[in-house]
Amino acid sequence: MIINKHIMRTTNEKQVLQQIVNAGPISRSQISRNLSLNKVTVSDIYSELLHEGLIREVGHGVSTRNGGRKPVMALLNVDYGYVISINLLRQRFTMLACRLDGKSEDYTSVSTRNVDLTSVLDMIEEHIRQMMGDRDTRLLGLSFGLDGVIYENQILNAGLNGLKDFDLAKYFGDKFNVPVVLENLANEAAIFERDFSGEGVYENLISVTIRDQVSAGIITNGHLYRGHRGEAGVIGKCPLADRYQEQNHETVNHYVSETSVLKRIMAYQKLDRVDVNRIRRDYLGHQPELLAILDEFSYYLAKVLANISSSFAPDAILLNVPILELLPELMDDVRGYVDKLAIPRKAPLLLTKNAKEASLMGGASAIIHRVLALDDLQLTFRNERPVVLEQIES
C-alpha cells in the first residue's frame, strides 16, 4: 500500500496536538511513546506548534530512573485565542466564550421576544463585538446551535422562521473572518456529554433535548451520527399512539415538547407567561391539574425513551430537559413508566449535569475541533463551571 507522505505528516501533526490537548502537561518523549512515533518526528512537530504559539512550555517533569535531564513539559496555550458559542432559541439567544481547553466564560442570555430575525442578527453581532472588546486575545471561531436540520453547515430546516436556507455561516464568517460551525441543539448536547464527561465514559450515547422540538443527538463509537442529510435524531415528528385511544396518533412534539407542555400549564393557570416559581409551588402543593399534565408528559416521554433504548441500545440516555431540571422528582415517574414496558434493553436514564450550558459547550467543542483541525479526533475537556438551572422559555 502506498502512503502519501503529506497525509502521514498531517496525521502525525494532529495526533501530537491531540496528545498535548488531552494529556498536557506532557513531554515530547511521552508523546513519542504514546504514539509510537520516533522522537525526531515528534520534536519537529512540537517545535512548529511552539513557534506558532499554539502550545507553551510550563517547566520540567521528573527525570527517568536512569537519571538524565528532566523533560520539558508542554500544554495547550489557552491564550492563543478563544471561541464563541451561540444558541438561537425561540425567544432568546444565549452566548458563551470558551478557551481552547474547554473552560467557558461570560455566559450571556438575551431576550428576543417580539424581535424580528434581522434585528436578532444585529443584536448577536453587537454582543460578539462586545465580547471581543473585553478580551486581549483573538477570536478564532464561532458556532451556532438551533432547533432544526443541519447538513454540511447549511440550515435545511429550522424551528425559527427565516432561518431555513439562510447561509448563517457565511453571514457571520464574512463579518468576523473566522470559521463558523452550525449544529442542531441535540447534536451539540451529545458532543458535550462525549467531550466533557471524561475520556471513554460514553462511547455510545444518546442525548435527548426537549425545547420547541424533541430531538436526539447520537454518538456511536465516539463519533456523532448524522444520518441521511443530517436528519438523524429528528424524533419530534414521529407519530405516537394516544394513551387512551391507541387508534389515535399525534406527534411526539405534541405530547412532549416543552412548548406544548408549557402551553397546557399556562392554560390551566390562566397566565400568558410561564411562572416558574408557581409551577414548582403547585407541584409541591400537589395541585391536581398540574400533576395530571406532568403525568401525561412523563408517560409519553417514557414511551419515547423506551423506543430509543430498545432500538439503539446506547450505554446511556442523557436528558437535556429544563422541565426535568426544574422538577427532578419527575425522573422517578419517567423511570417507573419505562420499567413497566416490556423492552429488551433499558439504558440508564440520566439528567445532564449542565442543562443550561450543555448545548453551548458542545458547540464550543465543535468549533474548537475545527479551529485546531482535529475534527476527526477525540478531545477531552474538563467541565469546571458550576451547574446553573436553565430559565425555561416563556
Protein backbone atom coordinates (compact mmCIF):
# COMPACT_ATOMS: atom_id res chain seq x y z
CA MET A 1 0.00 0.00 0.00
CA ILE A 2 1.35 3.45 -0.96
CA ILE A 3 1.02 6.03 1.81
CA ASN A 4 1.12 9.70 0.85
CA LYS A 5 3.87 11.36 2.91
CA HIS A 6 1.88 14.57 3.24
CA ILE A 7 -1.10 12.68 4.64
CA MET A 8 1.15 10.83 7.07
CA ARG A 9 2.71 14.10 8.23
CA THR A 10 -0.70 15.72 8.68
CA THR A 11 -1.92 12.71 10.66
CA ASN A 12 1.14 12.85 12.89
CA GLU A 13 0.68 16.58 13.48
CA LYS A 14 -2.94 16.05 14.51
CA GLN A 15 -2.07 13.22 16.89
CA VAL A 16 0.74 15.17 18.57
CA LEU A 17 -1.56 18.15 19.14
CA GLN A 18 -4.31 15.83 20.39
CA GLN A 19 -1.89 14.39 22.96
CA ILE A 20 -1.00 17.85 24.22
CA VAL A 21 -4.65 18.92 24.46
CA ASN A 22 -5.83 15.78 26.23
CA ALA A 23 -2.81 14.76 28.32
CA GLY A 24 -0.92 18.02 28.91
CA PRO A 25 1.32 18.89 30.59
CA ILE A 26 3.23 16.24 28.67
CA SER A 27 6.80 15.82 27.41
CA ARG A 28 7.99 15.10 23.88
CA SER A 29 9.36 11.75 24.96
CA GLN A 30 6.00 10.75 26.47
CA ILE A 31 4.19 11.79 23.27
CA SER A 32 6.67 9.70 21.29
CA ARG A 33 5.94 6.66 23.49
CA ASN A 34 2.18 7.16 23.45
CA LEU A 35 2.03 7.42 19.65
CA SER A 36 4.91 5.05 18.80
CA LEU A 37 6.48 7.84 16.73
CA ASN A 38 10.21 8.48 16.55
CA LYS A 39 11.48 11.36 18.68
CA VAL A 40 12.76 13.38 15.72
CA THR A 41 9.29 13.49 14.12
CA VAL A 42 7.67 14.48 17.42
CA SER A 43 10.32 17.15 18.10
CA ASP A 44 9.85 18.70 14.64
CA ILE A 45 6.09 18.93 15.08
CA TYR A 46 6.47 20.12 18.68
CA SER A 47 8.82 22.91 17.57
CA GLU A 48 6.36 24.08 14.89
CA LEU A 49 3.48 24.19 17.39
CA LEU A 50 5.67 26.09 19.85
CA HIS A 51 6.78 28.57 17.19
CA GLU A 52 3.19 29.15 16.13
CA GLY A 53 2.26 29.84 19.75
CA LEU A 54 -0.35 27.09 19.91
CA ILE A 55 1.43 25.35 22.78
CA ARG A 56 3.57 26.63 25.65
CA GLU A 57 6.20 25.12 27.92
CA VAL A 58 5.41 25.01 31.62
CA GLY A 59 8.54 23.76 33.38
CA HIS A 60 10.18 20.39 33.85
CA GLY A 61 8.86 16.98 34.72
CA VAL A 62 10.50 14.15 36.64
CA SER A 63 13.61 12.53 35.19
CA THR A 64 13.69 8.80 34.48
CA ARG A 65 15.07 6.24 36.91
CA ASN A 66 18.32 6.26 34.97
CA GLY A 67 18.77 9.97 35.63
CA GLY A 68 19.42 12.43 32.85
CA ARG A 69 17.76 15.71 32.10
CA LYS A 70 14.30 16.43 33.36
CA PRO A 71 11.89 16.60 30.41
CA VAL A 72 10.32 19.89 29.38
CA MET A 73 6.53 19.76 29.75
CA ALA A 74 4.08 21.37 27.33
CA LEU A 75 0.44 22.49 27.48
CA LEU A 76 -2.02 23.91 25.02
CA ASN A 77 -1.64 27.69 25.07
CA VAL A 78 -5.10 28.86 26.12
CA ASP A 79 -4.06 32.47 25.49
CA TYR A 80 -3.72 31.68 21.78
CA GLY A 81 -7.35 32.69 21.31
CA TYR A 82 -10.94 31.84 22.15
CA VAL A 83 -14.19 30.80 20.51
CA ILE A 84 -17.78 31.94 21.00
CA SER A 85 -20.72 29.56 21.04
CA ILE A 86 -24.25 30.87 20.37
CA ASN A 87 -27.62 29.15 20.70
CA LEU A 88 -30.63 30.56 18.84
CA LEU A 89 -33.76 29.74 20.82
CA ARG A 90 -37.39 30.65 20.26
CA GLN A 91 -37.44 33.85 22.31
CA ARG A 92 -33.83 34.41 23.23
CA PHE A 93 -30.27 33.72 22.26
CA THR A 94 -27.52 32.61 24.62
CA MET A 95 -23.78 33.06 24.22
CA LEU A 96 -20.67 31.66 25.83
CA ALA A 97 -17.00 32.49 25.30
CA CYS A 98 -14.75 29.46 25.64
CA ARG A 99 -11.00 28.94 25.86
CA LEU A 100 -9.31 26.28 23.76
CA ASP A 101 -9.10 23.97 26.78
CA GLY A 102 -12.89 23.97 27.08
CA LYS A 103 -13.13 26.34 30.02
CA SER A 104 -16.16 28.55 29.49
CA GLU A 105 -16.60 32.18 30.49
CA ASP A 106 -19.05 35.07 30.20
CA TYR A 107 -22.42 33.38 29.76
CA THR A 108 -24.98 35.79 28.32
CA SER A 109 -28.71 35.36 27.72
CA VAL A 110 -30.60 37.96 25.68
CA SER A 111 -34.38 38.11 25.19
CA THR A 112 -35.62 38.34 21.60
CA ARG A 113 -39.31 38.32 22.40
CA ASN A 114 -41.23 40.09 19.58
CA VAL A 115 -37.96 40.91 17.75
CA ASP A 116 -37.61 40.19 14.02
CA LEU A 117 -34.79 37.97 12.68
CA THR A 118 -32.81 40.84 11.13
CA SER A 119 -32.72 42.64 14.45
CA VAL A 120 -31.76 39.42 16.24
CA LEU A 121 -28.75 39.01 13.93
CA ASP A 122 -27.74 42.61 14.60
CA MET A 123 -28.02 42.00 18.34
CA ILE A 124 -25.85 38.90 18.09
CA GLU A 125 -23.21 40.81 16.13
CA GLU A 126 -23.23 43.58 18.73
CA HIS A 127 -22.71 41.12 21.59
CA ILE A 128 -19.93 39.28 19.73
CA ARG A 129 -18.10 42.59 19.22
CA GLN A 130 -18.62 43.43 22.87
CA MET A 131 -17.07 40.11 23.91
CA MET A 132 -14.19 40.74 21.53
CA GLY A 133 -13.62 44.17 23.04
CA ASP A 134 -13.40 42.68 26.53
CA ARG A 135 -10.50 40.37 25.58
CA ASP A 136 -6.85 40.79 24.74
CA THR A 137 -6.65 37.56 22.71
CA ARG A 138 -8.21 36.97 19.29
CA LEU A 139 -11.48 35.37 18.24
CA LEU A 140 -10.74 32.09 16.45
CA GLY A 141 -14.21 30.84 15.52
CA LEU A 142 -17.97 30.88 16.08
CA SER A 143 -20.54 28.13 16.50
CA PHE A 144 -24.33 28.38 16.25
CA GLY A 145 -26.82 25.90 17.63
CA LEU A 146 -30.53 25.83 16.79
CA ASP A 147 -33.53 23.54 16.53
CA GLY A 148 -33.62 22.09 13.03
CA VAL A 149 -31.79 20.01 10.45
CA ILE A 150 -28.22 20.99 9.60
CA TYR A 151 -26.32 19.38 6.73
CA GLU A 152 -22.85 20.35 5.55
CA ASN A 153 -23.05 23.55 7.58
CA GLN A 154 -26.30 24.64 5.93
CA ILE A 155 -29.75 25.01 7.52
CA LEU A 156 -32.16 22.69 5.69
CA ASN A 157 -34.96 23.10 8.20
CA ALA A 158 -35.37 25.29 11.26
CA GLY A 159 -37.85 25.90 14.03
CA LEU A 160 -37.30 29.66 13.76
CA ASN A 161 -38.88 31.48 10.83
CA GLY A 162 -36.49 32.92 8.29
CA LEU A 163 -33.52 30.67 9.02
CA LYS A 164 -34.29 27.89 6.54
CA ASP A 165 -31.86 28.10 3.60
CA PHE A 166 -30.28 31.25 5.09
CA ASP A 167 -26.47 30.98 4.94
CA LEU A 168 -25.84 31.82 8.58
CA ALA A 169 -22.26 30.51 8.49
CA LYS A 170 -21.28 32.77 5.58
CA TYR A 171 -23.11 35.75 7.05
CA PHE A 172 -21.08 35.74 10.27
CA GLY A 173 -17.94 34.26 8.70
CA ASP A 174 -17.72 37.27 6.39
CA LYS A 175 -18.32 39.71 9.23
CA PHE A 176 -15.63 38.34 11.52
CA ASN A 177 -13.34 36.49 9.10
CA VAL A 178 -13.34 33.30 11.20
CA PRO A 179 -14.66 29.77 10.61
CA VAL A 180 -18.29 29.22 11.65
CA VAL A 181 -19.82 25.85 12.55
CA LEU A 182 -23.58 25.23 12.55
CA GLU A 183 -25.15 22.38 14.52
CA ASN A 184 -28.52 21.47 15.93
CA LEU A 185 -29.01 21.71 19.69
CA ALA A 186 -29.37 17.97 20.28
CA ASN A 187 -26.11 17.19 18.49
CA GLU A 188 -24.36 19.90 20.47
CA ALA A 189 -25.67 18.41 23.71
CA ALA A 190 -24.43 14.96 22.65
CA ILE A 191 -20.99 16.40 21.84
CA PHE A 192 -20.96 17.98 25.31
CA GLU A 193 -21.68 14.66 27.01
CA ARG A 194 -18.97 12.93 24.97
CA ASP A 195 -16.24 15.55 25.41
CA PHE A 196 -16.87 16.88 28.93
CA SER A 197 -17.74 13.70 30.84
CA GLY A 198 -14.24 12.20 30.77
CA GLU A 199 -12.33 10.16 28.22
CA GLY A 200 -14.14 6.98 27.20
CA VAL A 201 -17.06 7.41 29.62
CA TYR A 202 -19.64 7.40 26.82
CA GLU A 203 -18.66 5.73 23.56
CA ASN A 204 -22.30 5.15 22.62
CA LEU A 205 -24.84 7.60 23.97
CA ILE A 206 -27.98 9.43 23.02
CA SER A 207 -28.73 12.90 24.30
CA VAL A 208 -32.41 13.82 24.16
CA THR A 209 -33.03 17.56 24.03
CA ILE A 210 -36.51 18.94 24.57
CA ARG A 211 -37.18 22.55 23.65
CA ASP A 212 -39.57 23.66 20.89
CA GLN A 213 -38.92 20.25 19.35
CA VAL A 214 -37.92 16.86 20.68
CA SER A 215 -34.68 15.71 19.12
CA ALA A 216 -31.81 13.34 19.82
CA GLY A 217 -28.07 13.62 19.33
CA ILE A 218 -26.47 10.23 18.68
CA ILE A 219 -22.88 9.31 19.49
CA THR A 220 -21.80 5.91 18.18
CA ASN A 221 -18.28 4.58 18.79
CA GLY A 222 -17.26 8.06 19.87
CA HIS A 223 -18.47 9.79 16.70
CA LEU A 224 -21.54 11.92 16.02
CA TYR A 225 -24.02 10.13 13.77
CA ARG A 226 -25.90 12.47 11.44
CA GLY A 227 -27.82 10.10 9.19
CA HIS A 228 -29.15 10.97 5.74
CA ARG A 229 -28.65 14.71 5.10
CA GLY A 230 -28.39 15.39 8.82
CA GLU A 231 -31.84 14.02 9.61
CA ALA A 232 -30.82 11.55 12.35
CA GLY A 233 -32.49 12.24 15.68
CA VAL A 234 -35.49 14.21 14.36
CA ILE A 235 -37.87 12.26 16.57
CA GLY A 236 -40.32 15.07 17.38
CA LYS A 237 -42.26 14.49 14.17
CA CYS A 238 -42.65 10.75 14.73
CA PRO A 239 -46.19 9.51 15.48
CA LEU A 240 -47.11 8.39 18.99
CA ALA A 241 -50.25 6.47 19.90
CA ASP A 242 -52.69 8.16 22.25
CA ARG A 243 -52.58 6.87 25.80
CA TYR A 244 -56.32 6.17 25.93
CA GLN A 245 -57.25 5.53 22.29
CA GLU A 246 -54.41 3.77 20.50
CA GLN A 247 -56.02 4.25 17.10
CA ASN A 248 -55.45 7.99 17.50
CA HIS A 249 -51.98 9.39 16.84
CA GLU A 250 -50.24 12.70 17.39
CA THR A 251 -46.59 13.64 17.01
CA VAL A 252 -44.02 13.30 19.78
CA ASN A 253 -43.75 17.11 19.78
CA HIS A 254 -47.49 17.37 20.51
CA TYR A 255 -47.16 15.28 23.68
CA VAL A 256 -43.65 16.01 24.93
CA SER A 257 -42.17 19.27 23.61
CA GLU A 258 -41.52 22.00 26.15
CA THR A 259 -43.67 24.42 24.16
CA SER A 260 -46.66 22.08 24.20
CA VAL A 261 -46.40 21.23 27.90
CA LEU A 262 -45.94 24.85 28.96
CA LYS A 263 -48.97 25.93 26.92
CA ARG A 264 -51.10 23.43 28.85
CA ILE A 265 -49.71 24.65 32.16
CA MET A 266 -50.31 28.32 31.29
CA ALA A 267 -53.86 27.49 30.18
CA TYR A 268 -54.88 25.96 33.50
CA GLN A 269 -53.06 28.72 35.43
CA LYS A 270 -54.81 31.34 33.24
CA LEU A 271 -51.49 33.09 32.56
CA ASP A 272 -49.93 34.36 29.34
CA ARG A 273 -46.36 33.83 30.58
CA VAL A 274 -44.55 30.99 32.31
CA ASP A 275 -44.28 31.40 36.08
CA VAL A 276 -41.51 29.01 37.10
CA ASN A 277 -41.97 29.64 40.81
CA ARG A 278 -45.67 28.88 40.61
CA ILE A 279 -45.05 25.65 38.69
CA ARG A 280 -42.70 24.50 41.43
CA ARG A 281 -45.10 25.67 44.15
CA ASP A 282 -48.10 23.97 42.56
CA TYR A 283 -46.13 20.76 42.14
CA LEU A 284 -45.06 20.67 45.79
CA GLY A 285 -48.64 21.55 46.75
CA HIS A 286 -49.94 18.59 44.71
CA GLN A 287 -52.15 20.77 42.52
CA PRO A 288 -54.29 18.19 40.63
CA GLU A 289 -54.37 19.95 37.22
CA LEU A 290 -50.58 20.36 37.16
CA LEU A 291 -49.96 16.79 38.34
CA ALA A 292 -52.20 15.49 35.54
CA ILE A 293 -50.29 17.46 32.88
CA LEU A 294 -46.92 16.31 34.23
CA ASP A 295 -48.09 12.70 34.45
CA GLU A 296 -49.03 12.82 30.76
CA PHE A 297 -45.63 14.31 29.97
CA SER A 298 -43.83 11.61 31.97
CA TYR A 299 -45.83 8.81 30.38
CA TYR A 300 -45.24 9.89 26.78
CA LEU A 301 -41.59 10.76 27.41
CA ALA A 302 -41.12 7.26 28.84
CA LYS A 303 -42.57 5.77 25.64
CA VAL A 304 -40.12 7.77 23.54
CA LEU A 305 -37.13 6.84 25.71
CA ALA A 306 -38.10 3.17 25.74
CA ASN A 307 -38.21 3.12 21.93
CA ILE A 308 -34.81 4.80 21.76
CA SER A 309 -33.31 2.43 24.32
CA SER A 310 -34.65 -0.66 22.60
CA SER A 311 -33.72 0.48 19.08
CA PHE A 312 -30.20 1.84 19.66
CA ALA A 313 -29.02 0.09 22.86
CA PRO A 314 -26.86 3.05 23.98
CA ASP A 315 -24.61 2.99 27.04
CA ALA A 316 -26.81 5.74 28.49
CA ILE A 317 -29.53 8.21 27.55
CA LEU A 318 -28.85 11.75 28.77
CA LEU A 319 -31.80 14.11 29.13
CA ASN A 320 -31.38 17.82 28.47
CA VAL A 321 -34.82 18.97 29.57
CA PRO A 322 -35.41 22.22 31.51
CA ILE A 323 -38.70 20.93 32.96
CA LEU A 324 -36.86 17.98 34.50
CA GLU A 325 -34.19 20.35 35.80
CA LEU A 326 -36.95 22.36 37.48
CA LEU A 327 -38.74 19.23 38.75
CA PRO A 328 -36.12 16.46 39.02
CA GLU A 329 -38.60 14.39 41.04
CA LEU A 330 -40.34 13.62 37.74
CA MET A 331 -37.40 11.41 36.75
CA ASP A 332 -38.72 8.77 39.14
CA ASP A 333 -42.05 8.83 37.31
CA VAL A 334 -40.36 8.60 33.90
CA ARG A 335 -38.17 5.68 35.02
CA GLY A 336 -41.19 4.00 36.57
CA TYR A 337 -43.14 4.11 33.31
CA VAL A 338 -40.12 2.80 31.38
CA ASP A 339 -39.74 -0.10 33.83
CA LYS A 340 -43.31 -1.18 33.16
CA LEU A 341 -42.64 -1.58 29.43
CA ALA A 342 -41.57 -4.95 28.06
CA ILE A 343 -38.48 -3.96 26.09
CA PRO A 344 -35.22 -5.93 25.73
CA ARG A 345 -32.85 -3.07 26.56
CA LYS A 346 -33.34 -0.43 29.24
CA ALA A 347 -30.44 2.01 29.12
CA PRO A 348 -29.67 4.15 32.18
CA LEU A 349 -31.63 7.41 32.11
CA LEU A 350 -29.61 10.36 33.39
CA LEU A 351 -30.15 14.10 33.65
CA THR A 352 -27.39 16.13 32.05
CA LYS A 353 -25.06 17.77 34.54
CA ASN A 354 -25.42 21.18 32.94
CA ALA A 355 -28.67 21.74 31.04
CA LYS A 356 -28.17 25.49 30.81
CA GLU A 357 -24.83 25.33 29.03
CA ALA A 358 -24.65 21.80 27.60
CA SER A 359 -25.50 22.75 24.01
CA LEU A 360 -23.36 25.88 24.19
CA MET A 361 -20.34 23.94 25.42
CA GLY A 362 -20.94 21.22 22.86
CA GLY A 363 -20.97 23.91 20.19
CA ALA A 364 -17.74 25.32 21.62
CA SER A 365 -16.15 21.87 21.36
CA ALA A 366 -17.28 21.58 17.73
CA ILE A 367 -15.64 24.88 16.74
CA ILE A 368 -12.51 24.13 18.79
CA HIS A 369 -12.16 20.89 16.83
CA ARG A 370 -12.45 22.89 13.62
CA VAL A 371 -10.02 25.63 14.68
CA LEU A 372 -7.40 23.07 15.71
CA ALA A 373 -8.04 20.98 12.56
CA LEU A 374 -8.88 18.00 14.78
CA ASP A 375 -12.41 17.34 13.52
CA ASP A 376 -11.89 13.58 13.36
CA LEU A 377 -10.08 13.13 16.72
CA GLN A 378 -11.40 12.89 20.27
CA LEU A 379 -10.74 15.82 22.58
CA THR A 380 -11.47 15.56 26.27
CA PHE A 381 -12.19 18.72 28.24
CA ARG A 382 -12.72 19.41 31.92
CA ASN A 383 -16.11 20.76 32.91
CA GLU A 384 -15.20 23.35 35.52
CA ARG A 385 -18.23 25.63 35.54
CA PRO A 386 -20.90 25.21 38.23
CA VAL A 387 -24.27 23.87 37.22
CA VAL A 388 -26.93 26.60 36.91
CA LEU A 389 -30.63 25.94 36.47
CA GLU A 390 -31.79 26.90 32.99
CA GLN A 391 -34.50 29.51 32.66
CA ILE A 392 -37.46 27.88 30.99
CA GLU A 393 -38.58 29.70 27.86
CA SER A 394 -41.80 31.65 28.34
